[in-house]
Amino acid sequence: LMTPPLAGDITAQQIEELTTAITSQFRASINDMLLHDSANDDTIIDDDNSSSPSAAAVAARAALNTLSATFGEAAEVSALVTLPSMTHGDVTVRSASTKAKDELKRLFDETLARPELYRKIERADDSDNSSSSSSSS
């Protein structure tokens, strides 16, 4: 999604359409990230003598980077649909914007509550910790 400029002339319909687009793209990106390279998720590589990260660690880090980028893009674009709830002169637009805020909050909360996503984040953290401890040895 391309970030549109903040505009005082946004309509309730545009807010609804943008919220739908944000939600759809966000879900697709998260689902793609979770499906991508899922075969590596259960791979255990014992490579303590290597100075380079394992394939599983690289996959976990890539997943975390994708997650971060996906949340960042959604947050950037969501400002257009959430800011009018506090600033717009039209009550219909403010109402649509408040509804969009609630929908996006629910989307982000549901996403972060997904066990498979948590496992990806945990693997990335584990790979950071193991590479830190192996580099300090």
C-alpha atoms as a PDB file:
ATOM      1  CA  LEU A   1       0.000   0.000   0.000  1.00  0.00           C
ATOM      2  CA  MET A   2       1.194   3.461  -0.763  1.00  0.00           C
ATOM      3  CA  THR A   3       0.825   5.936   2.062  1.00  0.00           C
ATOM      4  CA  PRO A   4      -1.672   8.584   0.981  1.00  0.00           C
ATOM      5  CA  PRO A   5      -1.222  12.133   2.243  1.00  0.00           C
ATOM      6  CA  LEU A   6      -3.224  13.072   5.318  1.00  0.00           C
ATOM      7  CA  ALA A   7      -6.270  14.902   4.063  1.00  0.00           C
ATOM      8  CA  GLY A   8      -9.055  16.782   5.771  1.00  0.00           C
ATOM      9  CA  ASP A   9     -11.350  15.870   2.910  1.00  0.00           C
ATOM     10  CA  ILE A  10     -11.309  12.087   3.436  1.00  0.00           C
ATOM     11  CA  THR A  11     -14.741  10.464   3.447  1.00  0.00           C
ATOM     12  CA  ALA A  12     -16.188   7.721   5.621  1.00  0.00           C
ATOM     13  CA  GLN A  13     -16.303   5.453   2.558  1.00  0.00           C
ATOM     14  CA  GLN A  14     -12.609   6.051   1.849  1.00  0.00           C
ATOM     15  CA  ILE A  15     -11.782   5.207   5.466  1.00  0.00           C
ATOM     16  CA  GLU A  16     -13.731   1.953   5.203  1.00  0.00           C
ATOM     17  CA  GLU A  17     -12.051   1.046   1.892  1.00  0.00           C
ATOM     18  CA  LEU A  18      -8.565   1.832   3.200  1.00  0.00           C
ATOM     19  CA  THR A  19      -9.194  -0.123   6.397  1.00  0.00           C
ATOM     20  CA  THR A  20     -10.257  -3.130   4.333  1.00  0.00           C
ATOM     21  CA  ALA A  21      -7.137  -2.793   2.165  1.00  0.00           C
ATOM     22  CA  ILE A  22      -4.843  -2.455   5.196  1.00  0.00           C
ATOM     23  CA  THR A  23      -6.433  -5.465   6.872  1.00  0.00           C
ATOM     24  CA  SER A  24      -6.283  -7.638   3.750  1.00  0.00           C
ATOM     25  CA  GLN A  25      -2.673  -6.815   2.938  1.00  0.00           C
ATOM     26  CA  PHE A  26      -1.581  -7.180   6.554  1.00  0.00           C
ATOM     27  CA  ARG A  27      -3.196 -10.611   6.918  1.00  0.00           C
ATOM     28  CA  ALA A  28      -1.776 -11.776   3.586  1.00  0.00           C
ATOM     29  CA  SER A  29       1.743 -10.648   4.547  1.00  0.00           C
ATOM     30  CA  ILE A  30       1.589 -12.318   7.960  1.00  0.00           C
ATOM     31  CA  ASN A  31       0.160 -15.554   6.553  1.00  0.00           C
ATOM     32  CA  ASP A  32       2.775 -15.593   3.786  1.00  0.00           C
ATOM     33  CA  MET A  33       5.534 -15.028   6.327  1.00  0.00           C
ATOM     34  CA  LEU A  34       4.239 -17.882   8.488  1.00  0.00           C
ATOM     35  CA  LEU A  35       3.979 -20.247   5.523  1.00  0.00           C
ATOM     36  CA  HIS A  36       7.279 -19.238   3.909  1.00  0.00           C
ATOM     37  CA  ASP A  37      10.075 -21.607   4.713  1.00  0.00           C
ATOM     38  CA  SER A  38       7.977 -23.371   7.370  1.00  0.00           C
ATOM     39  CA  ALA A  39       9.932 -26.542   6.613  1.00  0.00           C
ATOM     40  CA  ASN A  40      12.923 -24.971   8.385  1.00  0.00           C
ATOM     41  CA  ASP A  41      10.942 -24.326  11.560  1.00  0.00           C
ATOM     42  CA  ASP A  42      11.390 -27.830  12.914  1.00  0.00           C
ATOM     43  CA  THR A  43      14.959 -28.264  11.731  1.00  0.00           C
ATOM     44  CA  ILE A  44      17.493 -28.490  14.514  1.00  0.00           C
ATOM     45  CA  ILE A  45      21.003 -27.735  13.474  1.00  0.00           C
ATOM     46  CA  ASP A  46      23.731 -28.276  16.040  1.00  0.00           C
ATOM     47  CA  ASP A  47      26.524 -26.203  14.655  1.00  0.00           C
ATOM     48  CA  ASP A  48      28.213 -24.804  17.777  1.00  0.00           C
ATOM     49  CA  ASN A  49      31.643 -24.815  16.146  1.00  0.00           C
ATOM     50  CA  SER A  50      30.528 -22.631  13.247  1.00  0.00           C
ATOM     51  CA  SER A  51      30.908 -18.864  13.294  1.00  0.00           C
ATOM     52  CA  SER A  52      28.037 -18.437  10.816  1.00  0.00           C
ATOM     53  CA  PRO A  53      24.378 -18.656  11.835  1.00  0.00           C
ATOM     54  CA  SER A  54      22.406 -21.831  11.132  1.00  0.00           C
ATOM     55  CA  ALA A  55      19.752 -21.958   8.415  1.00  0.00           C
ATOM     56  CA  ALA A  56      17.075 -22.060  11.117  1.00  0.00           C
ATOM     57  CA  ALA A  57      18.514 -18.916  12.734  1.00  0.00           C
ATOM     58  CA  VAL A  58      18.622 -17.116   9.392  1.00  0.00           C
ATOM     59  CA  ALA A  59      15.000 -18.122   8.685  1.00  0.00           C
ATOM     60  CA  ALA A  60      13.901 -16.961  12.138  1.00  0.00           C
ATOM     61  CA  ARG A  61      15.644 -13.595  11.697  1.00  0.00           C
ATOM     62  CA  ALA A  62      14.085 -13.138   8.237  1.00  0.00           C
ATOM     63  CA  ALA A  63      10.646 -13.868   9.697  1.00  0.00           C
ATOM     64  CA  LEU A  64      11.175 -11.277  12.417  1.00  0.00           C
ATOM     65  CA  ASN A  65      12.319  -8.698   9.857  1.00  0.00           C
ATOM     66  CA  THR A  66       9.234  -9.411   7.732  1.00  0.00           C
ATOM     67  CA  LEU A  67       6.993  -9.099  10.779  1.00  0.00           C
ATOM     68  CA  SER A  68       8.553  -5.771  11.696  1.00  0.00           C
ATOM     69  CA  ALA A  69       8.195  -4.414   8.170  1.00  0.00           C
ATOM     70  CA  THR A  70       4.584  -5.613   7.930  1.00  0.00           C
ATOM     71  CA  PHE A  71       3.615  -3.923  11.189  1.00  0.00           C
ATOM     72  CA  GLY A  72       5.494  -0.771  10.175  1.00  0.00           C
ATOM     73  CA  GLU A  73       3.744  -0.484   6.822  1.00  0.00           C
ATOM     74  CA  ALA A  74       0.330  -1.093   8.386  1.00  0.00           C
ATOM     75  CA  ALA A  75       0.989   1.471  11.125  1.00  0.00           C
ATOM     76  CA  GLU A  76       2.138   4.076   8.618  1.00  0.00           C
ATOM     77  CA  VAL A  77      -0.937   3.763   6.413  1.00  0.00           C
ATOM     78  CA  SER A  78      -3.330   3.340   9.337  1.00  0.00           C
ATOM     79  CA  ALA A  79      -2.652   6.906  10.492  1.00  0.00           C
ATOM     80  CA  LEU A  80      -4.775   8.140   7.607  1.00  0.00           C
ATOM     81  CA  VAL A  81      -7.801   6.165   8.780  1.00  0.00           C
ATOM     82  CA  THR A  82      -7.345   6.625  12.541  1.00  0.00           C
ATOM     83  CA  LEU A  83      -6.340  10.284  12.883  1.00  0.00           C
ATOM     84  CA  PRO A  84      -9.692  11.649  11.640  1.00  0.00           C
ATOM     85  CA  SER A  85     -11.422  10.161  14.711  1.00  0.00           C
ATOM     86  CA  MET A  86      -9.834  12.973  16.739  1.00  0.00           C
ATOM     87  CA  THR A  87      -9.562  15.793  14.232  1.00  0.00           C
ATOM     88  CA  HIS A  88     -12.168  15.632  11.474  1.00  0.00           C
ATOM     89  CA  GLY A  89     -15.064  18.090  11.418  1.00  0.00           C
ATOM     90  CA  ASP A  90     -17.606  15.576  10.087  1.00  0.00           C
ATOM     91  CA  VAL A  91     -19.203  13.300  12.698  1.00  0.00           C
ATOM     92  CA  THR A  92     -19.703  10.515  10.102  1.00  0.00           C
ATOM     93  CA  VAL A  93     -15.995  10.513   9.258  1.00  0.00           C
ATOM     94  CA  ARG A  94     -15.041  10.564  12.950  1.00  0.00           C
ATOM     95  CA  SER A  95     -17.347   7.610  13.562  1.00  0.00           C
ATOM     96  CA  ALA A  96     -15.913   5.626  10.614  1.00  0.00           C
ATOM     97  CA  SER A  97     -12.412   6.421  11.825  1.00  0.00           C
ATOM     98  CA  THR A  98     -13.187   5.252  15.369  1.00  0.00           C
ATOM     99  CA  LYS A  99     -14.572   2.022  13.933  1.00  0.00           C
ATOM    100  CA  ALA A 100     -11.374   1.642  11.846  1.00  0.00           C
ATOM    101  CA  LYS A 101      -9.208   2.139  14.961  1.00  0.00           C
ATOM    102  CA  ASP A 102     -11.121  -0.599  16.759  1.00  0.00           C
ATOM    103  CA  GLU A 103     -10.846  -2.952  13.774  1.00  0.00           C
ATOM    104  CA  LEU A 104      -7.103  -2.376  13.355  1.00  0.00           C
ATOM    105  CA  LYS A 105      -6.451  -2.785  17.086  1.00  0.00           C
ATOM    106  CA  ARG A 106      -8.337  -6.082  17.021  1.00  0.00           C
ATOM    107  CA  LEU A 107      -6.338  -7.174  13.953  1.00  0.00           C
ATOM    108  CA  PHE A 108      -2.993  -6.394  15.599  1.00  0.00           C
ATOM    109  CA  ASP A 109      -4.024  -7.989  18.911  1.00  0.00           C
ATOM    110  CA  GLU A 110      -5.263 -11.165  17.193  1.00  0.00           C
ATOM    111  CA  THR A 111      -2.086 -11.357  15.138  1.00  0.00           C
ATOM    112  CA  LEU A 112       0.210 -11.024  18.137  1.00  0.00           C
ATOM    113  CA  ALA A 113      -1.790 -13.690  19.983  1.00  0.00           C
ATOM    114  CA  ARG A 114      -1.116 -16.319  17.291  1.00  0.00           C
ATOM    115  CA  PRO A 115       0.985 -19.142  18.778  1.00  0.00           C
ATOM    116  CA  GLU A 116       2.789 -19.863  15.504  1.00  0.00           C
ATOM    117  CA  LEU A 117       3.838 -16.223  15.244  1.00  0.00           C
ATOM    118  CA  TYR A 118       5.092 -16.276  18.820  1.00  0.00           C
ATOM    119  CA  ARG A 119       7.194 -19.356  18.013  1.00  0.00           C
ATOM    120  CA  LYS A 120       8.786 -17.500  15.061  1.00  0.00           C
ATOM    121  CA  ILE A 121       9.636 -14.541  17.299  1.00  0.00           C
ATOM    122  CA  GLU A 122      10.977 -16.853  19.984  1.00  0.00           C
ATOM    123  CA  ARG A 123      13.238 -18.623  17.461  1.00  0.00           C
ATOM    124  CA  ALA A 124      14.645 -15.295  16.316  1.00  0.00           C
ATOM    125  CA  ASP A 125      15.340 -14.349  19.940  1.00  0.00           C
ATOM    126  CA  ASP A 126      16.943 -17.752  20.554  1.00  0.00           C
ATOM    127  CA  SER A 127      19.140 -17.326  17.482  1.00  0.00           C
ATOM    128  CA  ASP A 128      20.266 -13.906  18.737  1.00  0.00           C
ATOM    129  CA  ASN A 129      21.088 -15.306  22.159  1.00  0.00           C
ATOM    130  CA  SER A 130      22.984 -18.287  20.803  1.00  0.00           C
ATOM    131  CA  SER A 131      24.999 -16.178  18.363  1.00  0.00           C
ATOM    132  CA  SER A 132      25.820 -13.711  21.162  1.00  0.00           C
ATOM    133  CA  SER A 133      27.001 -16.444  23.469  1.00  0.00           C
ATOM    134  CA  SER A 134      29.010 -18.199  20.771  1.00  0.00           C
ATOM    135  CA  SER A 135      30.687 -14.967  19.688  1.00  0.00           C
ATOM    136  CA  SER A 136      31.658 -14.111  23.264  1.00  0.00           C
ATOM    137  CA  SER A 137      33.256 -17.531  23.825  1.00  0.00           C
END
